[in-house]
Amino acid sequence: MKNLNLKSFLLFLIIGIVSCDTKKEVTISTSPNVLVIMVDDLNDNIGALKGHPQALTPNMDKLAHSATLFLHAYSNAPMCGPSRASMFTGIYPHHSNNYFQEPWFQFETLTNSRTIMEQFKKEGYNVIGTGKIMHHNRKEMWTHFENDADYSPTPFDGVKQVPHPDVPAAFAEIGWVDGSLGPFLNLESRTNSQGKPLQWITGNERTGFNPMRYINDDDRDPTPDERNATWVANKLKELAVDTSGIPFFLSVGFLRPHTPLVAPQKYFKQFPLENIQLVAIESEDEEDTHLTAAYQGDLFTLSMGKRMFNAISKAYGNSTLGLKKWTQAYLACVAAVDENIGEVLDALSSSGLDKNTIVVLASDHGFHMGEKNYLYKNSLWEESTRVPLIFRAPGITNPSSVVSQAVSLIDVYPTLLDLCGLSTNTTKNEKGHPLDGKSLLPFLNNPYTDTWTGAPAALSVVFAGNKHKREPSMQHYSIRTQQYRYILYNNGMEELYDHYVDPNEWNNIGSTQTAVLRKMRQQLQEIVAPVKLAGFKNMTK
């Protein structure tokens, strides 16, 4: 029975119940529900992935222990916009030409293919969402959509959003989004550098600003993430008593730990600054890497990662203290979002819907914590590309299952269709593109299976800049197998890391492992075919 999808399993269960006692009323639907939980900018800093020894994520860990955890899951484009577009359309960026932050619906291939929400809606599901799901939302994809993405709370000076008032100028100059971190404070007596009074607000320029009351942690308004968690919990209670028989696809997108790294004081208190442990960082680790040469200093991507690292080091006197402040704030925000996730999962369980609901938890990409003197996302290294990915499918997955095969977010869409027994024809017309990923159901049935037919490596791409806009051959690419990471920049420079002996990617062994290098080159070219990568043409040896 383990080889059945969830819809078949539920039908099997109903037949069994009816055959045992025809007088019993059968209330289990043959169509499973789906709950997708998206977390923004979450790297491997959760307990189940052992990414940081001080991470406090009891709710995500509990979910992982009840489900199948993919140990090596990767973003296909480690930036919010293209990653989410790829995941929710099931189409690789090199097939859509969506590599950076342009709205996905400006790309012909994507607009002529159905998103996962549109596919489930077409198949008769009640499709509900709130928060940040895709980077650019279209509400017509949903039966109902509640709250837009909201990166607040942020301090507000009466005119604009500003960084946390306790952040030193050298880091605050980066701006209210990426240059802001710290616990909530009572701002009643605080002003900006021009003497303007500050207050906490939620919302944004497009939707409007709303005052957020904060006196202390026990006397305040909820954050946007907290509002979404409570809204979803209440929605689950409604769905539990719904007698329509219509299955639901429900997705909630939480913002933290996306910047600004602000959260209630209680979460910061869980991580005293003097006790903070930094991730393993090798001095001069970036010297055998080629990101700087590939960009030649002309793109936001490179300047942002280096700029944030240098600015936080300057702001707090040295890189050690600066990174401790960053790590404390990041872990606090992870703990905060974990509590929000717990509220949703508790509501699912108490409603009884957990018995017939597939749960998926994922992040759009990771985030560097100072490795390689880089403090951002959108690199092709492990810290930026690796993401949590958890599947729980009643009757299919076994508790505490762990999959070691390298997979990517491109595989989520076909997996959900497979589990729910839905059509995999997701194109609207000939201008669309079929799903690029493969169902992970074989791994959900058996974590050690060798029957999976997906890509031999997880593919990630990073945008090479506007001068190469919509040119798939000119982007920078990486593939990750269980053992190796291979990176190819469009100037022909390469990096190769052996994760069996170098899990931190400290030693680029590309110049010594010729046979492995040839194999990884071949795998990359096969995955992106028929695109002919400029990186291969530009090699000097």
Protein backbone atom coordinates (compact mmCIF):
# COMPACT_ATOMS: atom_id res chain seq x y z
CA MET A 1 0.00 0.00 0.00
CA LYS A 2 2.99 2.35 0.43
CA ASN A 3 3.16 2.92 -3.33
CA LEU A 4 -0.28 4.55 -3.46
CA ASN A 5 -0.74 8.30 -3.74
CA LEU A 6 -2.72 9.93 -0.96
CA LYS A 7 -5.99 10.09 -2.86
CA SER A 8 -5.80 6.36 -3.60
CA PHE A 9 -4.88 5.68 0.03
CA LEU A 10 -7.92 7.53 1.30
CA LEU A 11 -10.20 5.70 -1.11
CA PHE A 12 -8.68 2.39 0.06
CA LEU A 13 -9.33 3.43 3.67
CA ILE A 14 -12.96 4.32 2.99
CA ILE A 15 -13.62 1.03 1.24
CA GLY A 16 -12.14 -0.77 4.22
CA ILE A 17 -14.32 1.14 6.67
CA VAL A 18 -17.46 0.55 4.66
CA SER A 19 -16.75 -3.16 4.21
CA CYS A 20 -16.21 -3.57 7.95
CA ASP A 21 -19.41 -1.79 9.00
CA THR A 22 -21.88 -0.52 6.40
CA LYS A 23 -23.82 1.32 9.11
CA LYS A 24 -20.94 3.69 9.85
CA GLU A 25 -21.08 7.15 8.32
CA VAL A 26 -17.98 7.81 6.27
CA THR A 27 -16.77 11.41 6.52
CA ILE A 28 -13.26 11.14 5.06
CA SER A 29 -12.98 12.86 1.68
CA THR A 30 -11.28 11.01 -1.16
CA SER A 31 -9.52 14.26 -2.11
CA PRO A 32 -6.80 15.31 0.31
CA ASN A 33 -6.41 18.88 1.45
CA VAL A 34 -3.11 20.73 1.12
CA LEU A 35 -1.41 23.16 3.50
CA VAL A 36 1.71 24.91 2.17
CA ILE A 37 3.77 26.94 4.65
CA MET A 38 6.33 29.29 3.10
CA VAL A 39 9.05 30.88 5.22
CA ASP A 40 11.06 33.78 3.80
CA ASP A 41 14.89 33.74 3.74
CA LEU A 42 15.13 30.73 6.07
CA ASN A 43 18.42 28.87 5.74
CA ASP A 44 19.34 25.65 7.57
CA ASN A 45 19.12 27.33 10.99
CA ILE A 46 16.46 24.96 12.31
CA GLY A 47 17.05 22.17 14.76
CA ALA A 48 16.12 19.39 12.38
CA LEU A 49 18.81 20.46 9.88
CA LYS A 50 21.42 21.20 12.57
CA GLY A 51 22.42 24.38 10.78
CA HIS A 52 23.05 26.36 13.96
CA PRO A 53 23.52 24.76 17.38
CA GLN A 54 21.48 27.46 19.15
CA ALA A 55 18.46 27.48 16.85
CA LEU A 56 15.18 27.12 18.77
CA THR A 57 12.55 25.71 16.42
CA PRO A 58 10.44 23.17 18.34
CA ASN A 59 7.46 23.41 16.03
CA MET A 60 9.34 22.96 12.77
CA ASP A 61 11.33 20.15 14.41
CA LYS A 62 8.10 18.48 15.54
CA LEU A 63 6.77 18.65 12.01
CA ALA A 64 10.00 17.19 10.64
CA HIS A 65 9.86 14.32 13.14
CA SER A 66 6.32 13.51 11.99
CA ALA A 67 7.16 13.68 8.31
CA THR A 68 9.79 13.31 5.59
CA LEU A 69 12.68 15.76 5.75
CA PHE A 70 14.74 16.42 2.63
CA LEU A 71 18.27 16.89 3.90
CA HIS A 72 19.58 18.32 0.63
CA ALA A 73 16.87 20.54 -0.84
CA TYR A 74 17.80 23.60 -2.89
CA SER A 75 16.39 26.79 -4.33
CA ASN A 76 16.44 27.03 -8.11
CA ALA A 77 17.19 30.77 -7.96
CA PRO A 78 18.26 32.07 -4.52
CA MET A 79 16.35 35.34 -4.68
CA CYS A 80 12.72 35.78 -3.58
CA GLY A 81 11.11 36.59 -6.93
CA PRO A 82 12.52 33.96 -9.29
CA SER A 83 12.65 31.26 -6.63
CA ARG A 84 8.96 31.50 -5.80
CA ALA A 85 7.98 31.91 -9.44
CA SER A 86 9.88 28.77 -10.34
CA MET A 87 8.48 26.78 -7.42
CA PHE A 88 4.84 27.76 -7.93
CA THR A 89 4.89 27.40 -11.72
CA GLY A 90 7.13 24.33 -11.79
CA ILE A 91 9.30 25.89 -14.51
CA TYR A 92 13.08 26.38 -14.37
CA PRO A 93 14.30 29.99 -14.74
CA HIS A 94 16.28 29.13 -17.88
CA HIS A 95 13.00 28.09 -19.51
CA SER A 96 11.08 31.17 -18.36
CA ASN A 97 13.93 33.77 -18.45
CA ASN A 98 12.84 34.95 -14.99
CA TYR A 99 16.13 35.23 -13.07
CA PHE A 100 15.68 38.21 -10.77
CA GLN A 101 12.95 40.42 -9.28
CA GLU A 102 10.82 41.31 -12.29
CA PRO A 103 7.17 40.28 -11.79
CA TRP A 104 6.72 36.72 -13.00
CA PHE A 105 3.58 37.64 -14.94
CA GLN A 106 5.67 39.75 -17.32
CA PHE A 107 7.13 36.56 -18.79
CA GLU A 108 5.19 34.92 -21.62
CA THR A 109 6.08 31.34 -20.69
CA LEU A 110 4.87 31.79 -17.11
CA THR A 111 1.63 33.61 -17.92
CA ASN A 112 0.73 30.84 -20.34
CA SER A 113 1.31 28.15 -17.74
CA ARG A 114 -0.86 27.61 -14.69
CA THR A 115 0.54 28.28 -11.25
CA ILE A 116 -0.04 25.60 -8.67
CA MET A 117 -2.87 27.70 -7.27
CA GLU A 118 -4.53 27.95 -10.69
CA GLN A 119 -4.13 24.21 -11.28
CA PHE A 120 -5.74 23.27 -7.98
CA LYS A 121 -8.51 25.81 -8.56
CA LYS A 122 -9.13 24.32 -12.02
CA GLU A 123 -9.36 20.88 -10.41
CA GLY A 124 -12.15 22.05 -8.11
CA TYR A 125 -10.22 22.99 -4.96
CA ASN A 126 -11.02 25.90 -2.66
CA VAL A 127 -7.75 27.82 -3.04
CA ILE A 128 -6.99 30.12 -0.12
CA GLY A 129 -3.93 32.17 0.76
CA THR A 130 -2.47 34.88 2.93
CA GLY A 131 0.93 36.53 3.32
CA LYS A 132 3.90 36.23 0.99
CA ILE A 133 3.46 33.27 -1.33
CA MET A 134 4.70 34.46 -4.69
CA HIS A 135 6.85 37.59 -4.66
CA HIS A 136 4.29 39.29 -6.90
CA ASN A 137 0.73 38.20 -6.22
CA ARG A 138 -2.31 38.02 -8.44
CA LYS A 139 -5.43 37.64 -6.36
CA GLU A 140 -7.45 36.19 -9.22
CA MET A 141 -5.41 32.98 -8.83
CA TRP A 142 -7.12 32.37 -5.51
CA THR A 143 -10.65 31.65 -4.39
CA HIS A 144 -9.85 33.96 -1.51
CA PHE A 145 -6.68 35.83 -0.57
CA GLU A 146 -6.50 37.65 2.76
CA ASN A 147 -3.35 39.70 3.49
CA ASP A 148 -0.69 41.04 1.13
CA ALA A 149 2.98 40.52 1.93
CA ASP A 150 4.04 42.92 4.68
CA TYR A 151 7.72 43.33 5.63
CA SER A 152 6.94 45.41 8.71
CA PRO A 153 6.81 46.22 11.61
CA THR A 154 9.22 49.08 11.03
CA PRO A 155 9.88 52.42 12.71
CA PHE A 156 8.29 55.37 10.88
CA ASP A 157 9.33 59.02 11.15
CA GLY A 158 6.11 60.50 9.81
CA VAL A 159 7.31 60.46 6.22
CA LYS A 160 9.11 57.20 5.57
CA GLN A 161 10.10 53.86 7.08
CA VAL A 162 13.49 53.93 8.80
CA PRO A 163 15.88 51.40 10.38
CA HIS A 164 15.73 50.38 14.03
CA PRO A 165 16.91 53.42 16.04
CA ASP A 166 19.62 51.46 17.87
CA VAL A 167 21.40 50.37 14.68
CA PRO A 168 24.66 52.30 14.10
CA ALA A 169 24.78 54.57 11.07
CA ALA A 170 27.27 52.50 9.08
CA PHE A 171 24.76 49.65 8.88
CA ALA A 172 21.57 51.71 9.02
CA GLU A 173 22.64 53.49 5.82
CA ILE A 174 21.78 50.31 3.92
CA GLY A 175 18.12 51.11 4.56
CA TRP A 176 15.07 50.14 6.57
CA VAL A 177 14.81 46.67 5.04
CA ASP A 178 18.29 45.14 5.04
CA GLY A 179 20.01 47.59 7.40
CA SER A 180 17.71 47.12 10.37
CA LEU A 181 17.74 44.68 13.28
CA GLY A 182 16.84 44.61 16.95
CA PRO A 183 14.02 43.97 19.42
CA PHE A 184 10.83 46.00 19.59
CA LEU A 185 11.17 49.10 21.76
CA ASN A 186 8.70 51.61 23.15
CA LEU A 187 9.29 54.49 20.72
CA GLU A 188 7.18 57.10 22.50
CA SER A 189 10.27 59.16 23.45
CA ARG A 190 12.48 58.24 20.49
CA THR A 191 13.27 60.47 17.51
CA ASN A 192 15.29 60.24 14.33
CA SER A 193 18.47 62.22 13.66
CA GLN A 194 16.39 65.28 12.66
CA GLY A 195 14.34 65.15 15.84
CA LYS A 196 11.21 63.69 14.25
CA PRO A 197 9.26 61.37 16.57
CA LEU A 198 9.23 57.69 15.71
CA GLN A 199 6.42 55.16 15.87
CA TRP A 200 5.98 51.54 14.83
CA ILE A 201 3.87 50.94 11.74
CA THR A 202 2.69 48.06 9.60
CA GLY A 203 1.81 48.14 5.92
CA ASN A 204 3.64 49.83 3.08
CA GLU A 205 3.43 52.75 0.66
CA ARG A 206 1.20 50.82 -1.73
CA THR A 207 -1.36 49.51 0.76
CA GLY A 208 -1.01 52.34 3.26
CA PHE A 209 0.63 52.60 6.69
CA ASN A 210 -1.09 51.61 9.90
CA PRO A 211 0.13 52.53 13.41
CA MET A 212 1.26 49.55 15.48
CA ARG A 213 0.90 49.99 19.21
CA TYR A 214 3.87 48.78 21.25
CA ILE A 215 4.29 49.49 24.95
CA ASN A 216 5.94 46.20 25.83
CA ASP A 217 5.70 42.58 24.76
CA ASP A 218 2.54 42.09 26.83
CA ASP A 219 0.88 45.28 25.67
CA ARG A 220 1.10 45.60 21.89
CA ASP A 221 -0.57 44.94 18.56
CA PRO A 222 0.26 41.73 16.68
CA THR A 223 2.85 41.60 13.91
CA PRO A 224 1.77 40.79 10.33
CA ASP A 225 3.13 37.24 10.74
CA GLU A 226 1.12 36.81 13.93
CA ARG A 227 -2.00 38.13 12.22
CA ASN A 228 -1.56 35.63 9.40
CA ALA A 229 -1.00 32.74 11.79
CA THR A 230 -4.18 33.56 13.72
CA TRP A 231 -6.17 34.10 10.54
CA VAL A 232 -5.09 30.69 9.18
CA ALA A 233 -5.82 29.00 12.52
CA ASN A 234 -9.35 30.44 12.48
CA LYS A 235 -9.80 29.53 8.82
CA LEU A 236 -8.89 25.91 9.60
CA LYS A 237 -11.57 25.84 12.27
CA GLU A 238 -14.09 27.02 9.67
CA LEU A 239 -12.94 24.47 7.11
CA ALA A 240 -13.21 21.67 9.66
CA VAL A 241 -16.99 22.16 9.89
CA ASP A 242 -17.50 22.88 6.20
CA THR A 243 -19.97 20.35 4.79
CA SER A 244 -19.53 21.23 1.12
CA GLY A 245 -17.12 18.36 0.50
CA ILE A 246 -14.81 20.69 -1.44
CA PRO A 247 -11.14 20.04 -0.63
CA PHE A 248 -8.90 23.01 0.08
CA PHE A 249 -5.48 24.21 -0.93
CA LEU A 250 -4.35 26.64 1.76
CA SER A 251 -1.05 28.50 1.75
CA VAL A 252 0.40 30.89 4.30
CA GLY A 253 3.58 32.90 3.73
CA PHE A 254 5.52 34.16 6.73
CA LEU A 255 8.02 37.00 6.29
CA ARG A 256 10.52 36.40 9.06
CA PRO A 257 13.47 35.83 9.06
CA HIS A 258 13.49 38.14 6.04
CA THR A 259 14.94 41.54 6.92
CA PRO A 260 14.31 43.80 8.78
CA LEU A 261 15.30 41.45 11.59
CA VAL A 262 12.97 42.89 14.22
CA ALA A 263 10.92 40.84 16.65
CA PRO A 264 9.45 41.03 20.18
CA GLN A 265 11.98 41.29 22.99
CA LYS A 266 11.17 37.84 24.37
CA TYR A 267 12.76 36.20 21.34
CA PHE A 268 15.95 38.25 21.61
CA LYS A 269 16.18 37.34 25.29
CA GLN A 270 16.37 33.68 24.31
CA PHE A 271 19.70 34.44 22.64
CA PRO A 272 21.90 36.57 24.93
CA LEU A 273 24.50 38.34 22.82
CA GLU A 274 27.41 37.22 25.01
CA ASN A 275 26.45 33.57 24.40
CA ILE A 276 25.99 33.76 20.63
CA GLN A 277 28.00 31.25 18.61
CA LEU A 278 28.99 32.18 15.08
CA VAL A 279 28.81 29.70 12.24
CA ALA A 280 32.08 28.15 11.13
CA ILE A 281 33.97 30.76 9.12
CA GLU A 282 37.38 30.25 7.53
CA SER A 283 39.51 33.35 7.24
CA GLU A 284 40.24 34.36 3.64
CA ASP A 285 37.78 31.69 2.47
CA GLU A 286 36.70 33.82 -0.48
CA GLU A 287 40.17 33.87 -2.02
CA ASP A 288 39.65 30.70 -4.09
CA THR A 289 36.16 31.74 -5.22
CA HIS A 290 35.21 33.67 -8.34
CA LEU A 291 32.08 35.65 -7.56
CA THR A 292 33.93 38.97 -7.60
CA ALA A 293 35.59 38.25 -10.94
CA ALA A 294 32.32 37.10 -12.46
CA TYR A 295 30.55 40.34 -11.62
CA GLN A 296 33.51 42.72 -11.83
CA GLY A 297 31.82 44.84 -9.18
CA ASP A 298 29.02 46.04 -11.46
CA LEU A 299 25.92 44.46 -9.97
CA PHE A 300 23.69 44.93 -6.94
CA THR A 301 24.03 41.22 -6.12
CA LEU A 302 27.73 41.39 -5.39
CA SER A 303 27.79 44.83 -3.84
CA MET A 304 24.96 43.93 -1.47
CA GLY A 305 26.54 40.80 0.02
CA LYS A 306 29.93 42.43 0.48
CA ARG A 307 28.42 45.78 1.48
CA MET A 308 26.29 44.28 4.26
CA PHE A 309 29.25 42.31 5.65
CA ASN A 310 31.56 45.33 5.61
CA ALA A 311 28.91 47.69 6.97
CA ILE A 312 27.92 45.53 9.93
CA SER A 313 31.60 44.96 10.75
CA LYS A 314 32.24 48.71 10.71
CA ALA A 315 29.06 49.52 12.62
CA TYR A 316 29.94 47.33 15.59
CA GLY A 317 33.71 47.75 15.51
CA ASN A 318 34.69 44.37 14.06
CA SER A 319 33.21 41.47 12.12
CA THR A 320 32.91 39.21 15.17
CA LEU A 321 30.62 41.53 17.12
CA GLY A 322 28.77 42.58 13.98
CA LEU A 323 28.03 38.99 13.03
CA LYS A 324 27.00 38.20 16.61
CA LYS A 325 24.42 41.00 16.42
CA TRP A 326 23.23 39.64 13.09
CA THR A 327 23.09 36.03 14.29
CA GLN A 328 21.21 36.99 17.46
CA ALA A 329 18.60 38.89 15.44
CA TYR A 330 18.31 36.13 12.82
CA LEU A 331 17.83 33.40 15.43
CA ALA A 332 15.29 35.56 17.27
CA CYS A 333 13.27 36.01 14.09
CA VAL A 334 13.47 32.28 13.33
CA ALA A 335 12.18 31.53 16.84
CA ALA A 336 9.35 34.02 16.30
CA VAL A 337 8.23 32.50 13.01
CA ASP A 338 8.50 29.02 14.49
CA GLU A 339 5.90 30.02 17.07
CA ASN A 340 3.64 31.31 14.28
CA ILE A 341 4.04 27.99 12.46
CA GLY A 342 3.20 26.16 15.67
CA GLU A 343 -0.08 28.04 15.96
CA VAL A 344 -1.05 26.93 12.46
CA LEU A 345 -0.03 23.30 12.97
CA ASP A 346 -1.78 23.11 16.35
CA ALA A 347 -4.97 24.39 14.73
CA LEU A 348 -4.67 21.80 11.98
CA SER A 349 -4.28 19.04 14.55
CA SER A 350 -7.02 20.17 16.93
CA SER A 351 -9.47 20.51 14.04
CA GLY A 352 -8.89 16.91 12.99
CA LEU A 353 -7.99 18.05 9.47
CA ASP A 354 -4.45 16.73 9.87
CA LYS A 355 -5.73 13.24 9.07
CA ASN A 356 -6.56 14.29 5.53
CA THR A 357 -4.18 17.18 4.86
CA ILE A 358 -0.80 17.13 3.15
CA VAL A 359 1.59 19.58 4.80
CA VAL A 360 4.54 21.13 3.00
CA LEU A 361 7.00 23.50 4.66
CA ALA A 362 9.65 25.22 2.56
CA SER A 363 11.73 28.36 2.24
CA ASP A 364 12.47 30.24 -0.97
CA HIS A 365 16.26 30.28 -0.39
CA GLY A 366 18.88 30.43 2.32
CA PHE A 367 21.02 33.28 3.64
CA HIS A 368 24.70 33.73 4.42
CA MET A 369 25.66 34.35 8.03
CA GLY A 370 29.08 35.83 7.20
CA GLU A 371 30.65 32.89 5.40
CA LYS A 372 33.06 34.01 2.67
CA ASN A 373 32.75 37.59 4.04
CA TYR A 374 29.29 37.68 2.51
CA LEU A 375 26.04 38.61 4.29
CA TYR A 376 23.15 38.18 1.90
CA LYS A 377 21.43 35.71 -0.38
CA ASN A 378 21.73 35.28 -4.18
CA SER A 379 25.05 33.46 -4.30
CA LEU A 380 25.54 29.95 -5.67
CA TRP A 381 27.09 28.60 -2.46
CA GLU A 382 25.48 26.24 0.01
CA GLU A 383 24.40 28.86 2.55
CA SER A 384 22.35 30.72 -0.03
CA THR A 385 20.87 27.82 -2.01
CA ARG A 386 20.02 25.23 0.66
CA VAL A 387 16.49 25.34 2.08
CA PRO A 388 14.32 23.39 4.50
CA LEU A 389 11.82 21.12 2.74
CA ILE A 390 9.39 18.95 4.71
CA PHE A 391 6.52 16.83 3.41
CA ARG A 392 3.89 15.14 5.56
CA ALA A 393 1.30 13.07 3.73
CA PRO A 394 -1.07 10.98 5.90
CA GLY A 395 -0.79 7.28 5.11
CA ILE A 396 2.23 7.85 2.88
CA THR A 397 5.13 9.38 4.78
CA ASN A 398 6.68 7.72 7.81
CA PRO A 399 7.70 9.76 10.87
CA SER A 400 11.34 10.89 11.07
CA SER A 401 12.09 9.89 7.48
CA VAL A 402 15.15 11.57 5.99
CA VAL A 403 15.99 11.77 2.28
CA SER A 404 19.62 12.36 1.28
CA GLN A 405 19.10 12.74 -2.47
CA ALA A 406 19.67 16.30 -3.70
CA VAL A 407 16.35 17.74 -4.89
CA SER A 408 15.03 21.24 -5.49
CA LEU A 409 11.90 23.35 -5.15
CA ILE A 410 11.05 22.63 -8.80
CA ASP A 411 9.87 19.20 -7.60
CA VAL A 412 7.22 20.47 -5.15
CA TYR A 413 4.50 21.20 -7.73
CA PRO A 414 4.51 17.78 -9.46
CA THR A 415 4.69 16.06 -6.07
CA LEU A 416 1.50 17.70 -4.85
CA LEU A 417 -0.29 16.89 -8.09
CA ASP A 418 0.84 13.27 -7.75
CA LEU A 419 -0.25 12.99 -4.12
CA CYS A 420 -3.66 14.45 -4.92
CA GLY A 421 -4.18 12.47 -8.12
CA LEU A 422 -4.53 15.61 -10.26
CA SER A 423 -3.65 16.28 -13.88
CA THR A 424 -0.06 17.22 -14.66
CA ASN A 425 -1.08 19.13 -17.79
CA THR A 426 -0.41 22.65 -16.53
CA THR A 427 0.04 24.62 -19.75
CA LYS A 428 -2.70 27.00 -20.87
CA ASN A 429 -1.63 26.84 -24.52
CA GLU A 430 1.38 26.16 -26.73
CA LYS A 431 3.18 29.23 -25.34
CA GLY A 432 3.35 27.65 -21.90
CA HIS A 433 5.90 25.14 -20.65
CA PRO A 434 5.31 21.73 -19.03
CA LEU A 435 6.49 21.00 -15.51
CA ASP A 436 10.26 20.67 -15.24
CA GLY A 437 10.38 18.86 -11.93
CA LYS A 438 9.57 15.30 -10.98
CA SER A 439 7.30 13.98 -8.26
CA LEU A 440 9.06 13.17 -5.00
CA LEU A 441 6.44 10.54 -4.16
CA PRO A 442 8.95 7.68 -4.55
CA PHE A 443 10.99 9.23 -1.70
CA LEU A 444 7.89 9.76 0.40
CA ASN A 445 7.12 6.07 0.00
CA ASN A 446 10.73 5.01 0.55
CA PRO A 447 13.47 7.53 1.49
CA TYR A 448 16.13 5.15 0.15
CA THR A 449 14.54 4.44 -3.22
CA ASP A 450 16.66 4.31 -6.36
CA THR A 451 13.66 4.55 -8.68
CA TRP A 452 13.32 8.35 -8.77
CA THR A 453 13.57 9.72 -12.30
CA GLY A 454 14.30 13.35 -11.44
CA ALA A 455 17.38 15.38 -12.29
CA PRO A 456 20.66 13.84 -11.07
CA ALA A 457 21.55 17.15 -9.38
CA ALA A 458 19.76 20.19 -7.96
CA LEU A 459 20.08 23.20 -10.27
CA SER A 460 20.42 26.81 -9.12
CA VAL A 461 20.92 29.97 -11.18
CA VAL A 462 21.99 33.50 -10.27
CA PHE A 463 21.25 36.52 -12.42
CA ALA A 464 24.27 37.95 -14.27
CA GLY A 465 22.89 41.47 -14.53
CA ASN A 466 20.77 43.61 -16.82
CA LYS A 467 23.37 43.51 -19.58
CA HIS A 468 22.49 39.81 -19.94
CA LYS A 469 18.77 40.16 -19.29
CA ARG A 470 16.73 37.19 -20.54
CA GLU A 471 19.77 35.42 -21.93
CA PRO A 472 19.78 31.94 -20.34
CA SER A 473 23.23 31.10 -21.69
CA MET A 474 24.81 34.09 -19.94
CA GLN A 475 23.66 33.44 -16.36
CA HIS A 476 25.71 31.85 -13.56
CA TYR A 477 24.79 28.25 -12.66
CA SER A 478 25.41 25.66 -9.98
CA ILE A 479 24.45 22.04 -9.49
CA ARG A 480 24.51 20.09 -6.23
CA THR A 481 24.63 16.33 -5.88
CA GLN A 482 24.72 14.52 -2.57
CA GLN A 483 28.53 14.75 -2.62
CA TYR A 484 29.55 17.68 -4.81
CA ARG A 485 28.73 21.28 -5.59
CA TYR A 486 29.84 22.59 -8.99
CA ILE A 487 29.63 26.28 -9.95
CA LEU A 488 30.08 27.70 -13.45
CA TYR A 489 30.20 31.46 -13.97
CA ASN A 490 29.56 32.91 -17.40
CA ASN A 491 33.21 33.98 -17.74
CA GLY A 492 34.27 30.31 -17.63
CA MET A 493 35.52 30.29 -14.03
CA GLU A 494 34.58 27.26 -11.96
CA GLU A 495 34.32 26.08 -8.37
CA LEU A 496 34.05 22.52 -7.11
CA TYR A 497 33.47 21.39 -3.52
CA ASP A 498 33.39 17.89 -2.02
CA HIS A 499 30.81 17.94 0.75
CA TYR A 500 31.88 14.57 2.11
CA VAL A 501 35.15 16.09 3.31
CA ASP A 502 34.39 19.82 3.11
CA PRO A 503 30.78 20.54 4.18
CA ASN A 504 31.56 24.25 4.64
CA GLU A 505 32.80 24.69 1.06
CA TRP A 506 36.13 26.08 2.20
CA ASN A 507 38.32 24.44 -0.45
CA ASN A 508 37.69 24.89 -4.15
CA ILE A 509 39.15 21.68 -5.62
CA GLY A 510 38.28 22.41 -9.23
CA SER A 511 41.90 22.53 -10.31
CA THR A 512 42.72 19.05 -8.93
CA GLN A 513 39.69 16.85 -9.59
CA THR A 514 39.61 16.69 -13.37
CA ALA A 515 37.46 13.56 -13.69
CA VAL A 516 34.83 14.84 -11.25
CA LEU A 517 34.87 18.21 -12.94
CA ARG A 518 34.19 16.67 -16.34
CA LYS A 519 31.27 14.67 -14.94
CA MET A 520 29.73 17.71 -13.24
CA ARG A 521 30.12 19.80 -16.39
CA GLN A 522 28.30 17.14 -18.35
CA GLN A 523 25.48 16.91 -15.81
CA LEU A 524 24.99 20.68 -15.81
CA GLN A 525 24.87 20.89 -19.58
CA GLU A 526 22.38 18.02 -19.76
CA ILE A 527 20.07 19.64 -17.20
CA VAL A 528 19.96 23.03 -18.97
CA ALA A 529 19.89 21.61 -22.51
CA PRO A 530 19.29 22.80 -25.16
CA VAL A 531 20.79 26.00 -23.72
CA LYS A 532 24.50 26.23 -24.54
CA LEU A 533 26.15 27.89 -21.56
CA ALA A 534 28.55 30.76 -22.23
CA GLY A 535 30.62 29.64 -19.29
CA PHE A 536 31.77 26.58 -21.20
CA LYS A 537 32.61 28.65 -24.28
CA ASN A 538 34.62 31.13 -22.20
CA MET A 539 36.85 28.60 -20.50
CA THR A 540 40.55 29.18 -21.02
CA LYS A 541 41.58 25.59 -20.33
